[in-house]
């Protein structure tokens, strides 16, 4: 997908998740800024489905996998502390 910067106000993570639930389009949130996301191509979709299936089968029941419709809150400090 390609992200496009729009002129949105700064959002806290909590404000973004509340706001994004009401939107028809897909957006990405990064450091308080919101980016509109465009749709992917057919090939992108086919590759993503195959990759997700492979990853899900590899991980088994130890982790959950999702597609691009899943909204997540990623804490980079927590992630980096586990590496």
N, C-alpha and C. Protein backbone atom coordinates (compact mmCIF):
# COMPACT_ATOMS: atom_id res chain seq x y z
N UNK A 1 0.83 -1.18 0.00
CA UNK A 1 0.00 0.00 0.00
C UNK A 1 0.87 1.24 0.00
N UNK A 2 0.33 2.29 -0.49
CA UNK A 2 1.02 3.58 -0.48
C UNK A 2 0.31 4.48 0.51
N UNK A 3 1.06 5.14 1.37
CA UNK A 3 0.43 6.06 2.31
C UNK A 3 0.59 7.49 1.83
N UNK A 4 -0.45 8.27 2.03
CA UNK A 4 -0.46 9.66 1.64
C UNK A 4 -0.69 10.52 2.87
N UNK A 5 0.15 11.51 3.09
CA UNK A 5 0.00 12.40 4.25
C UNK A 5 -1.13 13.37 4.00
N UNK A 6 -2.09 13.39 4.92
CA UNK A 6 -3.19 14.35 4.86
C UNK A 6 -3.00 15.37 5.97
N UNK A 7 -3.80 16.42 5.94
CA UNK A 7 -3.70 17.45 6.96
C UNK A 7 -4.67 17.15 8.10
N UNK A 8 -4.30 16.20 8.93
CA UNK A 8 -5.08 15.86 10.10
C UNK A 8 -4.43 16.48 11.32
N UNK A 9 -5.22 16.75 12.36
CA UNK A 9 -4.62 17.25 13.60
C UNK A 9 -3.80 16.14 14.25
N UNK A 10 -2.96 16.50 15.19
CA UNK A 10 -2.22 15.52 15.97
C UNK A 10 -3.22 14.73 16.81
N UNK A 11 -3.09 13.41 16.81
CA UNK A 11 -3.95 12.54 17.62
C UNK A 11 -3.10 11.81 18.65
N UNK A 12 -3.65 11.63 19.84
CA UNK A 12 -3.07 10.67 20.76
C UNK A 12 -3.47 9.29 20.25
N UNK A 13 -2.81 8.23 20.68
CA UNK A 13 -3.23 6.90 20.23
C UNK A 13 -4.70 6.61 20.54
N UNK A 14 -5.15 6.99 21.72
CA UNK A 14 -6.54 6.76 22.10
C UNK A 14 -7.51 7.52 21.19
N UNK A 15 -7.19 8.77 20.90
CA UNK A 15 -8.04 9.58 20.00
C UNK A 15 -8.07 8.99 18.60
N UNK A 16 -6.92 8.51 18.13
CA UNK A 16 -6.87 7.92 16.79
C UNK A 16 -7.76 6.69 16.69
N UNK A 17 -7.67 5.77 17.66
CA UNK A 17 -8.47 4.56 17.58
C UNK A 17 -9.97 4.87 17.62
N UNK A 18 -10.37 5.84 18.41
CA UNK A 18 -11.79 6.25 18.45
C UNK A 18 -12.18 6.85 17.11
N UNK A 19 -11.37 7.75 16.58
CA UNK A 19 -11.65 8.41 15.30
C UNK A 19 -11.67 7.41 14.14
N UNK A 20 -10.69 6.51 14.11
CA UNK A 20 -10.56 5.59 12.97
C UNK A 20 -11.70 4.60 12.87
N UNK A 21 -12.34 4.26 13.98
CA UNK A 21 -13.48 3.34 13.96
C UNK A 21 -14.65 3.90 13.14
N UNK A 22 -14.70 5.23 13.00
CA UNK A 22 -15.80 5.89 12.29
C UNK A 22 -15.49 6.16 10.82
N UNK A 23 -14.28 5.79 10.37
CA UNK A 23 -13.85 6.11 9.01
C UNK A 23 -14.14 4.97 8.05
N UNK A 24 -14.50 5.30 6.82
CA UNK A 24 -14.70 4.30 5.78
C UNK A 24 -13.38 3.91 5.13
N UNK A 25 -12.46 4.84 5.04
CA UNK A 25 -11.16 4.59 4.43
C UNK A 25 -10.21 4.03 5.48
N UNK A 26 -9.09 3.50 5.02
CA UNK A 26 -8.07 2.97 5.92
C UNK A 26 -7.00 4.03 6.16
N UNK A 27 -6.55 4.09 7.41
CA UNK A 27 -5.52 5.05 7.80
C UNK A 27 -4.46 4.36 8.63
N UNK A 28 -3.28 4.96 8.63
CA UNK A 28 -2.20 4.49 9.48
C UNK A 28 -1.82 5.62 10.42
N UNK A 29 -1.48 5.27 11.65
CA UNK A 29 -1.11 6.24 12.67
C UNK A 29 0.35 6.03 13.03
N UNK A 30 1.12 7.11 13.02
CA UNK A 30 2.54 7.02 13.37
C UNK A 30 2.97 8.29 14.08
N UNK A 31 3.34 8.17 15.31
CA UNK A 31 3.84 9.30 16.11
C UNK A 31 2.90 10.50 16.08
N UNK A 32 1.60 10.25 16.23
CA UNK A 32 0.63 11.34 16.30
C UNK A 32 0.11 11.81 14.96
N UNK A 33 0.69 11.33 13.87
CA UNK A 33 0.26 11.76 12.54
C UNK A 33 -0.53 10.64 11.86
N UNK A 34 -1.50 11.05 11.03
CA UNK A 34 -2.38 10.11 10.35
C UNK A 34 -2.10 10.15 8.85
N UNK A 35 -2.02 8.96 8.25
CA UNK A 35 -1.76 8.83 6.82
C UNK A 35 -2.87 8.01 6.18
N UNK A 36 -3.43 8.53 5.08
CA UNK A 36 -4.43 7.79 4.32
C UNK A 36 -3.73 6.66 3.58
N UNK A 37 -4.35 5.49 3.55
CA UNK A 37 -3.76 4.33 2.89
C UNK A 37 -4.56 4.01 1.63
N UNK A 38 -3.85 3.78 0.54
CA UNK A 38 -4.52 3.39 -0.70
C UNK A 38 -4.66 1.87 -0.75
N UNK A 39 -5.48 1.39 -1.65
CA UNK A 39 -5.68 -0.05 -1.80
C UNK A 39 -4.50 -0.69 -2.50
N UNK A 40 -4.34 -1.99 -2.32
CA UNK A 40 -3.25 -2.73 -2.95
C UNK A 40 -3.70 -3.34 -4.27
N UNK A 41 -2.75 -3.85 -5.02
CA UNK A 41 -3.03 -4.48 -6.31
C UNK A 41 -3.48 -5.93 -6.10
N UNK A 42 -3.95 -6.56 -7.16
CA UNK A 42 -4.35 -7.96 -7.08
C UNK A 42 -3.15 -8.83 -6.69
N UNK A 43 -2.01 -8.60 -7.34
CA UNK A 43 -0.81 -9.38 -7.01
C UNK A 43 -0.40 -9.19 -5.55
N UNK A 44 -0.49 -7.97 -5.06
CA UNK A 44 -0.17 -7.70 -3.65
C UNK A 44 -1.09 -8.53 -2.75
N UNK A 45 -2.36 -8.56 -3.07
CA UNK A 45 -3.33 -9.31 -2.26
C UNK A 45 -3.03 -10.80 -2.28
N UNK A 46 -2.73 -11.35 -3.46
CA UNK A 46 -2.43 -12.78 -3.57
C UNK A 46 -1.18 -13.16 -2.78
N UNK A 47 -0.15 -12.33 -2.88
CA UNK A 47 1.09 -12.58 -2.13
C UNK A 47 0.84 -12.49 -0.63
N UNK A 48 0.08 -11.49 -0.21
CA UNK A 48 -0.21 -11.30 1.21
C UNK A 48 -0.97 -12.49 1.78
N UNK A 49 -1.94 -13.01 1.04
CA UNK A 49 -2.72 -14.16 1.51
C UNK A 49 -1.81 -15.38 1.64
N UNK A 50 -0.98 -15.62 0.64
CA UNK A 50 -0.07 -16.77 0.69
C UNK A 50 0.92 -16.64 1.85
N UNK A 51 1.47 -15.45 2.03
CA UNK A 51 2.42 -15.23 3.12
C UNK A 51 1.75 -15.43 4.48
N UNK A 52 0.56 -14.87 4.65
CA UNK A 52 -0.16 -15.00 5.92
C UNK A 52 -0.47 -16.46 6.22
N UNK A 53 -0.87 -17.21 5.20
CA UNK A 53 -1.15 -18.63 5.39
C UNK A 53 0.11 -19.38 5.82
N UNK A 54 1.23 -19.13 5.14
CA UNK A 54 2.48 -19.77 5.51
C UNK A 54 2.90 -19.43 6.94
N UNK A 55 2.78 -18.15 7.28
CA UNK A 55 3.16 -17.71 8.62
C UNK A 55 2.25 -18.33 9.68
N UNK A 56 0.96 -18.36 9.43
CA UNK A 56 0.00 -18.94 10.37
C UNK A 56 0.30 -20.42 10.58
N UNK A 57 0.54 -21.14 9.49
CA UNK A 57 0.86 -22.56 9.60
C UNK A 57 2.17 -22.79 10.34
N UNK A 58 3.15 -21.95 10.12
CA UNK A 58 4.44 -22.08 10.78
C UNK A 58 4.33 -21.82 12.28
N UNK A 59 3.60 -20.79 12.66
CA UNK A 59 3.51 -20.39 14.06
C UNK A 59 2.58 -21.29 14.87
N UNK A 60 1.63 -21.92 14.20
CA UNK A 60 0.68 -22.77 14.91
C UNK A 60 -0.17 -21.95 15.86
N UNK A 61 -0.40 -22.51 17.05
CA UNK A 61 -1.25 -21.84 18.03
C UNK A 61 -0.48 -20.90 18.95
N UNK A 62 0.82 -20.73 18.72
CA UNK A 62 1.63 -19.91 19.62
C UNK A 62 1.42 -18.41 19.41
N UNK A 63 0.96 -18.00 18.22
CA UNK A 63 0.73 -16.58 17.91
C UNK A 63 -0.49 -16.42 17.03
N UNK A 64 -1.02 -15.23 17.02
CA UNK A 64 -2.13 -14.92 16.12
C UNK A 64 -1.60 -14.13 14.93
N UNK A 65 -2.14 -14.40 13.75
CA UNK A 65 -1.82 -13.61 12.58
C UNK A 65 -3.10 -12.96 12.07
N UNK A 66 -2.95 -11.83 11.41
CA UNK A 66 -4.11 -11.12 10.86
C UNK A 66 -3.74 -10.49 9.53
N UNK A 67 -4.73 -9.94 8.87
CA UNK A 67 -4.47 -9.27 7.59
C UNK A 67 -4.44 -7.76 7.81
N UNK A 68 -4.42 -7.01 6.73
CA UNK A 68 -4.27 -5.55 6.83
C UNK A 68 -5.50 -4.86 7.40
N UNK A 69 -6.60 -5.57 7.59
CA UNK A 69 -7.79 -4.96 8.17
C UNK A 69 -7.73 -4.91 9.70
N UNK A 70 -6.78 -5.60 10.28
CA UNK A 70 -6.65 -5.66 11.73
C UNK A 70 -5.93 -4.41 12.23
N UNK A 71 -6.55 -3.71 13.15
CA UNK A 71 -5.91 -2.53 13.75
C UNK A 71 -5.18 -2.97 15.00
N UNK A 72 -3.93 -2.57 15.10
CA UNK A 72 -3.13 -2.93 16.27
C UNK A 72 -2.45 -1.71 16.83
N UNK A 73 -2.13 -1.77 18.09
CA UNK A 73 -1.37 -0.72 18.76
C UNK A 73 -0.01 -1.32 19.06
N UNK A 74 1.02 -0.84 18.38
CA UNK A 74 2.37 -1.39 18.48
C UNK A 74 3.22 -0.47 19.34
N UNK A 75 3.73 -1.00 20.44
CA UNK A 75 4.59 -0.25 21.34
C UNK A 75 6.04 -0.59 21.00
N UNK A 76 6.72 0.31 20.26
CA UNK A 76 8.08 0.01 19.80
C UNK A 76 9.06 -0.13 20.97
N UNK A 77 8.87 0.60 22.05
CA UNK A 77 9.78 0.48 23.19
C UNK A 77 9.67 -0.90 23.82
N UNK A 78 8.45 -1.41 23.93
CA UNK A 78 8.25 -2.75 24.47
C UNK A 78 8.86 -3.78 23.54
N UNK A 79 8.65 -3.61 22.24
CA UNK A 79 9.20 -4.56 21.26
C UNK A 79 10.73 -4.57 21.29
N UNK A 80 11.33 -3.40 21.30
CA UNK A 80 12.78 -3.31 21.28
C UNK A 80 13.41 -3.87 22.56
N UNK A 81 12.71 -3.77 23.66
CA UNK A 81 13.25 -4.29 24.92
C UNK A 81 13.27 -5.80 24.93
N UNK A 82 12.51 -6.44 24.03
CA UNK A 82 12.46 -7.91 23.99
C UNK A 82 13.43 -8.48 22.96
N UNK A 83 14.09 -7.64 22.16
CA UNK A 83 15.00 -8.14 21.13
C UNK A 83 16.36 -8.48 21.70
